[in-house]
Amino acid sequence: MVRDFWTHTEVIRICGVEESFLSRLVKEDILCPTCVEGSSAQMFSSMDLERLRLAKLLMEEMDVNLPGVEVILRMRQNLIDMRNQFDDILEDMCRQLKNIHSL
């Protein structure tokens, strides 16, 4: 079974980070925990865990400061969004070409 959300404590354990590090990322809006129905605690999504792992890697192994991490993660998300838009455009073009050839 694949999980969609993790608690604050689980994220700290899974990613091997200090609570203060996680709190800093939340405070800087790098991570955005959400409220999940049926839980009183804020929960972190799979995307949050990925962003946390990248932030940890950038800061610990590449000596990037927190503002730099935010910029890199924002640029990364922009690239992912653009790639998805490009894929949608290609799919639409393929459908249009198939429609033209089927006439």
N, C-alpha and C. Protein backbone atom coordinates (compact mmCIF):
# COMPACT_ATOMS: atom_id res chain seq x y z
N MET A 1 0.84 -1.18 0.00
CA MET A 1 0.00 0.00 0.00
C MET A 1 0.89 1.26 0.00
N VAL A 2 0.61 2.16 -0.89
CA VAL A 2 1.36 3.40 -0.99
C VAL A 2 0.68 4.47 -0.15
N ARG A 3 1.48 5.15 0.66
CA ARG A 3 0.92 6.20 1.51
C ARG A 3 0.97 7.54 0.80
N ASP A 4 0.00 8.38 1.12
CA ASP A 4 -0.05 9.71 0.52
C ASP A 4 0.49 10.78 1.46
N PHE A 5 0.40 10.55 2.76
CA PHE A 5 0.78 11.57 3.73
C PHE A 5 1.50 10.96 4.93
N TRP A 6 2.41 11.77 5.51
CA TRP A 6 3.17 11.36 6.68
C TRP A 6 3.10 12.44 7.75
N THR A 7 3.20 12.02 9.00
CA THR A 7 3.19 12.97 10.11
C THR A 7 4.56 13.64 10.25
N HIS A 8 4.59 14.69 11.04
CA HIS A 8 5.81 15.44 11.34
C HIS A 8 6.90 14.50 11.86
N THR A 9 6.55 13.66 12.83
CA THR A 9 7.49 12.73 13.44
C THR A 9 8.00 11.70 12.42
N GLU A 10 7.10 11.19 11.59
CA GLU A 10 7.51 10.21 10.58
C GLU A 10 8.47 10.83 9.57
N VAL A 11 8.22 12.06 9.17
CA VAL A 11 9.09 12.74 8.20
C VAL A 11 10.49 12.91 8.78
N ILE A 12 10.57 13.31 10.03
CA ILE A 12 11.87 13.48 10.69
C ILE A 12 12.63 12.16 10.71
N ARG A 13 11.94 11.08 11.04
CA ARG A 13 12.58 9.76 11.09
C ARG A 13 12.96 9.26 9.70
N ILE A 14 12.06 9.36 8.75
CA ILE A 14 12.29 8.86 7.40
C ILE A 14 13.46 9.58 6.72
N CYS A 15 13.47 10.89 6.85
CA CYS A 15 14.47 11.70 6.14
C CYS A 15 15.73 11.96 6.95
N GLY A 16 15.72 11.59 8.22
CA GLY A 16 16.90 11.77 9.05
C GLY A 16 17.30 13.21 9.24
N VAL A 17 16.30 14.06 9.53
CA VAL A 17 16.58 15.48 9.74
C VAL A 17 16.19 15.88 11.16
N GLU A 18 16.72 16.99 11.59
CA GLU A 18 16.36 17.54 12.89
C GLU A 18 15.01 18.25 12.77
N GLU A 19 14.30 18.29 13.88
CA GLU A 19 13.01 18.98 13.90
C GLU A 19 13.16 20.46 13.52
N SER A 20 14.26 21.07 13.95
CA SER A 20 14.49 22.49 13.65
C SER A 20 14.67 22.71 12.15
N PHE A 21 15.31 21.76 11.46
CA PHE A 21 15.49 21.87 10.01
C PHE A 21 14.14 21.80 9.30
N LEU A 22 13.32 20.84 9.71
CA LEU A 22 12.00 20.71 9.13
C LEU A 22 11.17 21.97 9.38
N SER A 23 11.24 22.48 10.59
CA SER A 23 10.49 23.69 10.93
C SER A 23 10.93 24.89 10.10
N ARG A 24 12.24 25.00 9.86
CA ARG A 24 12.75 26.10 9.02
C ARG A 24 12.20 26.01 7.61
N LEU A 25 12.14 24.81 7.06
CA LEU A 25 11.63 24.64 5.70
C LEU A 25 10.14 24.97 5.62
N VAL A 26 9.41 24.64 6.67
CA VAL A 26 7.98 24.99 6.71
C VAL A 26 7.82 26.50 6.85
N LYS A 27 8.61 27.10 7.73
CA LYS A 27 8.53 28.55 7.96
C LYS A 27 8.85 29.33 6.68
N GLU A 28 9.78 28.83 5.88
CA GLU A 28 10.18 29.50 4.64
C GLU A 28 9.28 29.11 3.46
N ASP A 29 8.22 28.35 3.72
CA ASP A 29 7.28 27.89 2.69
C ASP A 29 7.93 27.01 1.62
N ILE A 30 9.01 26.37 1.97
CA ILE A 30 9.61 25.39 1.07
C ILE A 30 8.81 24.10 1.14
N LEU A 31 8.32 23.79 2.34
CA LEU A 31 7.40 22.67 2.55
C LEU A 31 6.08 23.25 3.03
N CYS A 32 5.00 22.66 2.58
CA CYS A 32 3.67 23.15 2.95
C CYS A 32 2.81 22.00 3.45
N PRO A 33 2.90 21.70 4.74
CA PRO A 33 2.07 20.61 5.27
C PRO A 33 0.60 20.97 5.16
N THR A 34 -0.23 19.96 5.06
CA THR A 34 -1.66 20.17 4.90
C THR A 34 -2.42 19.43 5.99
N CYS A 35 -3.64 19.83 6.19
CA CYS A 35 -4.53 19.12 7.10
C CYS A 35 -5.24 18.03 6.30
N VAL A 36 -5.24 16.84 6.82
CA VAL A 36 -5.85 15.71 6.15
C VAL A 36 -7.08 15.29 6.94
N GLU A 37 -8.14 15.01 6.23
CA GLU A 37 -9.38 14.59 6.88
C GLU A 37 -9.13 13.38 7.76
N GLY A 38 -9.62 13.43 8.97
CA GLY A 38 -9.46 12.32 9.91
C GLY A 38 -8.23 12.44 10.78
N SER A 39 -7.46 13.52 10.61
CA SER A 39 -6.25 13.72 11.41
C SER A 39 -6.21 15.15 11.90
N SER A 40 -5.83 15.32 13.16
CA SER A 40 -5.73 16.67 13.71
C SER A 40 -4.36 17.28 13.44
N ALA A 41 -3.39 16.45 13.06
CA ALA A 41 -2.03 16.92 12.82
C ALA A 41 -1.85 17.34 11.37
N GLN A 42 -0.90 18.24 11.16
CA GLN A 42 -0.54 18.59 9.80
C GLN A 42 0.26 17.43 9.22
N MET A 43 0.03 17.16 7.95
CA MET A 43 0.66 16.02 7.30
C MET A 43 1.47 16.50 6.10
N PHE A 44 2.49 15.72 5.76
CA PHE A 44 3.35 16.04 4.64
C PHE A 44 3.10 15.06 3.50
N SER A 45 3.05 15.59 2.28
CA SER A 45 2.79 14.77 1.09
C SER A 45 4.08 14.17 0.55
N SER A 46 3.94 13.30 -0.42
CA SER A 46 5.10 12.72 -1.10
C SER A 46 5.95 13.81 -1.74
N MET A 47 5.30 14.83 -2.29
CA MET A 47 6.03 15.94 -2.89
C MET A 47 6.84 16.68 -1.83
N ASP A 48 6.26 16.84 -0.64
CA ASP A 48 6.99 17.48 0.46
C ASP A 48 8.23 16.67 0.83
N LEU A 49 8.10 15.35 0.90
CA LEU A 49 9.24 14.51 1.22
C LEU A 49 10.33 14.63 0.16
N GLU A 50 9.95 14.67 -1.09
CA GLU A 50 10.93 14.83 -2.17
C GLU A 50 11.64 16.18 -2.06
N ARG A 51 10.86 17.23 -1.79
CA ARG A 51 11.45 18.57 -1.65
C ARG A 51 12.39 18.61 -0.43
N LEU A 52 12.01 17.94 0.65
CA LEU A 52 12.85 17.88 1.83
C LEU A 52 14.16 17.17 1.54
N ARG A 53 14.09 16.04 0.85
CA ARG A 53 15.31 15.31 0.51
C ARG A 53 16.23 16.15 -0.37
N LEU A 54 15.65 16.86 -1.34
CA LEU A 54 16.46 17.72 -2.20
C LEU A 54 17.07 18.88 -1.41
N ALA A 55 16.27 19.48 -0.53
CA ALA A 55 16.77 20.59 0.28
C ALA A 55 17.93 20.12 1.16
N LYS A 56 17.78 18.96 1.76
CA LYS A 56 18.84 18.41 2.61
C LYS A 56 20.11 18.17 1.80
N LEU A 57 19.96 17.58 0.62
CA LEU A 57 21.10 17.31 -0.26
C LEU A 57 21.79 18.62 -0.66
N LEU A 58 21.01 19.59 -1.08
CA LEU A 58 21.57 20.87 -1.52
C LEU A 58 22.33 21.57 -0.39
N MET A 59 21.75 21.55 0.80
CA MET A 59 22.36 22.26 1.92
C MET A 59 23.56 21.52 2.50
N GLU A 60 23.45 20.21 2.66
CA GLU A 60 24.51 19.46 3.32
C GLU A 60 25.67 19.09 2.39
N GLU A 61 25.35 18.72 1.16
CA GLU A 61 26.40 18.24 0.28
C GLU A 61 26.89 19.28 -0.72
N MET A 62 26.06 20.29 -0.99
CA MET A 62 26.45 21.28 -1.98
C MET A 62 26.59 22.67 -1.39
N ASP A 63 26.40 22.76 -0.08
CA ASP A 63 26.59 24.00 0.66
C ASP A 63 25.75 25.16 0.13
N VAL A 64 24.52 24.86 -0.29
CA VAL A 64 23.59 25.89 -0.76
C VAL A 64 22.85 26.42 0.45
N ASN A 65 22.69 27.75 0.53
CA ASN A 65 21.96 28.33 1.66
C ASN A 65 20.45 28.20 1.42
N LEU A 66 19.67 28.49 2.45
CA LEU A 66 18.22 28.30 2.39
C LEU A 66 17.56 29.11 1.27
N PRO A 67 17.90 30.40 1.08
CA PRO A 67 17.31 31.12 -0.06
C PRO A 67 17.67 30.48 -1.40
N GLY A 68 18.88 29.96 -1.50
CA GLY A 68 19.28 29.27 -2.73
C GLY A 68 18.48 28.01 -2.96
N VAL A 69 18.23 27.28 -1.90
CA VAL A 69 17.41 26.07 -1.99
C VAL A 69 16.02 26.42 -2.51
N GLU A 70 15.45 27.48 -1.97
CA GLU A 70 14.11 27.90 -2.39
C GLU A 70 14.10 28.23 -3.88
N VAL A 71 15.10 28.95 -4.36
CA VAL A 71 15.18 29.31 -5.78
C VAL A 71 15.34 28.06 -6.64
N ILE A 72 16.24 27.18 -6.25
CA ILE A 72 16.48 25.96 -7.03
C ILE A 72 15.22 25.10 -7.09
N LEU A 73 14.55 24.93 -5.96
CA LEU A 73 13.33 24.10 -5.95
C LEU A 73 12.21 24.74 -6.77
N ARG A 74 12.11 26.07 -6.73
CA ARG A 74 11.09 26.76 -7.53
C ARG A 74 11.40 26.60 -9.02
N MET A 75 12.67 26.77 -9.39
CA MET A 75 13.05 26.60 -10.79
C MET A 75 12.82 25.16 -11.25
N ARG A 76 13.12 24.21 -10.39
CA ARG A 76 12.89 22.80 -10.71
C ARG A 76 11.41 22.54 -10.96
N GLN A 77 10.55 23.11 -10.09
CA GLN A 77 9.12 22.92 -10.27
C GLN A 77 8.63 23.59 -11.56
N ASN A 78 9.19 24.76 -11.88
CA ASN A 78 8.84 25.42 -13.14
C ASN A 78 9.21 24.56 -14.34
N LEU A 79 10.38 23.94 -14.30
CA LEU A 79 10.79 23.05 -15.39
C LEU A 79 9.87 21.84 -15.51
N ILE A 80 9.49 21.27 -14.38
CA ILE A 80 8.55 20.14 -14.39
C ILE A 80 7.22 20.57 -14.99
N ASP A 81 6.72 21.72 -14.58
CA ASP A 81 5.45 22.23 -15.11
C ASP A 81 5.53 22.47 -16.61
N MET A 82 6.64 23.06 -17.06
CA MET A 82 6.81 23.31 -18.49
C MET A 82 6.89 22.00 -19.26
N ARG A 83 7.57 21.01 -18.70
CA ARG A 83 7.66 19.70 -19.35
C ARG A 83 6.27 19.08 -19.49
N ASN A 84 5.46 19.19 -18.44
CA ASN A 84 4.10 18.65 -18.50
C ASN A 84 3.26 19.38 -19.55
N GLN A 85 3.42 20.69 -19.65
CA GLN A 85 2.70 21.46 -20.67
C GLN A 85 3.14 21.03 -22.07
N PHE A 86 4.45 20.85 -22.23
CA PHE A 86 4.98 20.42 -23.52
C PHE A 86 4.43 19.04 -23.88
N ASP A 87 4.39 18.12 -22.93
CA ASP A 87 3.84 16.79 -23.18
C ASP A 87 2.38 16.88 -23.59
N ASP A 88 1.61 17.76 -22.94
CA ASP A 88 0.20 17.95 -23.30
C ASP A 88 0.07 18.47 -24.72
N ILE A 89 0.93 19.41 -25.11
CA ILE A 89 0.90 19.96 -26.46
C ILE A 89 1.22 18.87 -27.48
N LEU A 90 2.22 18.06 -27.20
CA LEU A 90 2.57 16.97 -28.12
C LEU A 90 1.44 15.96 -28.26
N GLU A 91 0.81 15.63 -27.15
CA GLU A 91 -0.32 14.69 -27.21
C GLU A 91 -1.46 15.26 -28.04
N ASP A 92 -1.74 16.54 -27.87
CA ASP A 92 -2.79 17.20 -28.65
C ASP A 92 -2.44 17.20 -30.14
N MET A 93 -1.19 17.48 -30.46
CA MET A 93 -0.76 17.47 -31.86
C MET A 93 -0.89 16.07 -32.46
N CYS A 94 -0.55 15.05 -31.70
CA CYS A 94 -0.69 13.67 -32.18
C CYS A 94 -2.14 13.34 -32.46
N ARG A 95 -3.04 13.76 -31.57
CA ARG A 95 -4.47 13.51 -31.79
C ARG A 95 -4.95 14.22 -33.05
N GLN A 96 -4.51 15.45 -33.22
CA GLN A 96 -4.91 16.20 -34.41
C GLN A 96 -4.40 15.56 -35.68
N LEU A 97 -3.16 15.07 -35.67
CA LEU A 97 -2.60 14.41 -36.84
C LEU A 97 -3.35 13.11 -37.14
N LYS A 98 -3.70 12.37 -36.10
CA LYS A 98 -4.47 11.14 -36.32
C LYS A 98 -5.83 11.46 -36.92
N ASN A 99 -6.46 12.53 -36.48
CA ASN A 99 -7.76 12.93 -37.02
C ASN A 99 -7.64 13.33 -38.48
N ILE A 100 -6.56 14.02 -38.83
CA ILE A 100 -6.35 14.43 -40.22
C ILE A 100 -6.14 13.22 -41.10
N HIS A 101 -5.38 12.24 -40.64
CA HIS A 101 -5.09 11.05 -41.45
C HIS A 101 -6.30 10.12 -41.54
N SER A 102 -7.20 10.21 -40.60
CA SER A 102 -8.37 9.33 -40.64
C SER A 102 -9.47 9.87 -41.55
N LEU A 103 -9.33 11.09 -42.03
CA LEU A 103 -10.33 11.68 -42.93
C LEU A 103 -10.21 11.11 -44.27
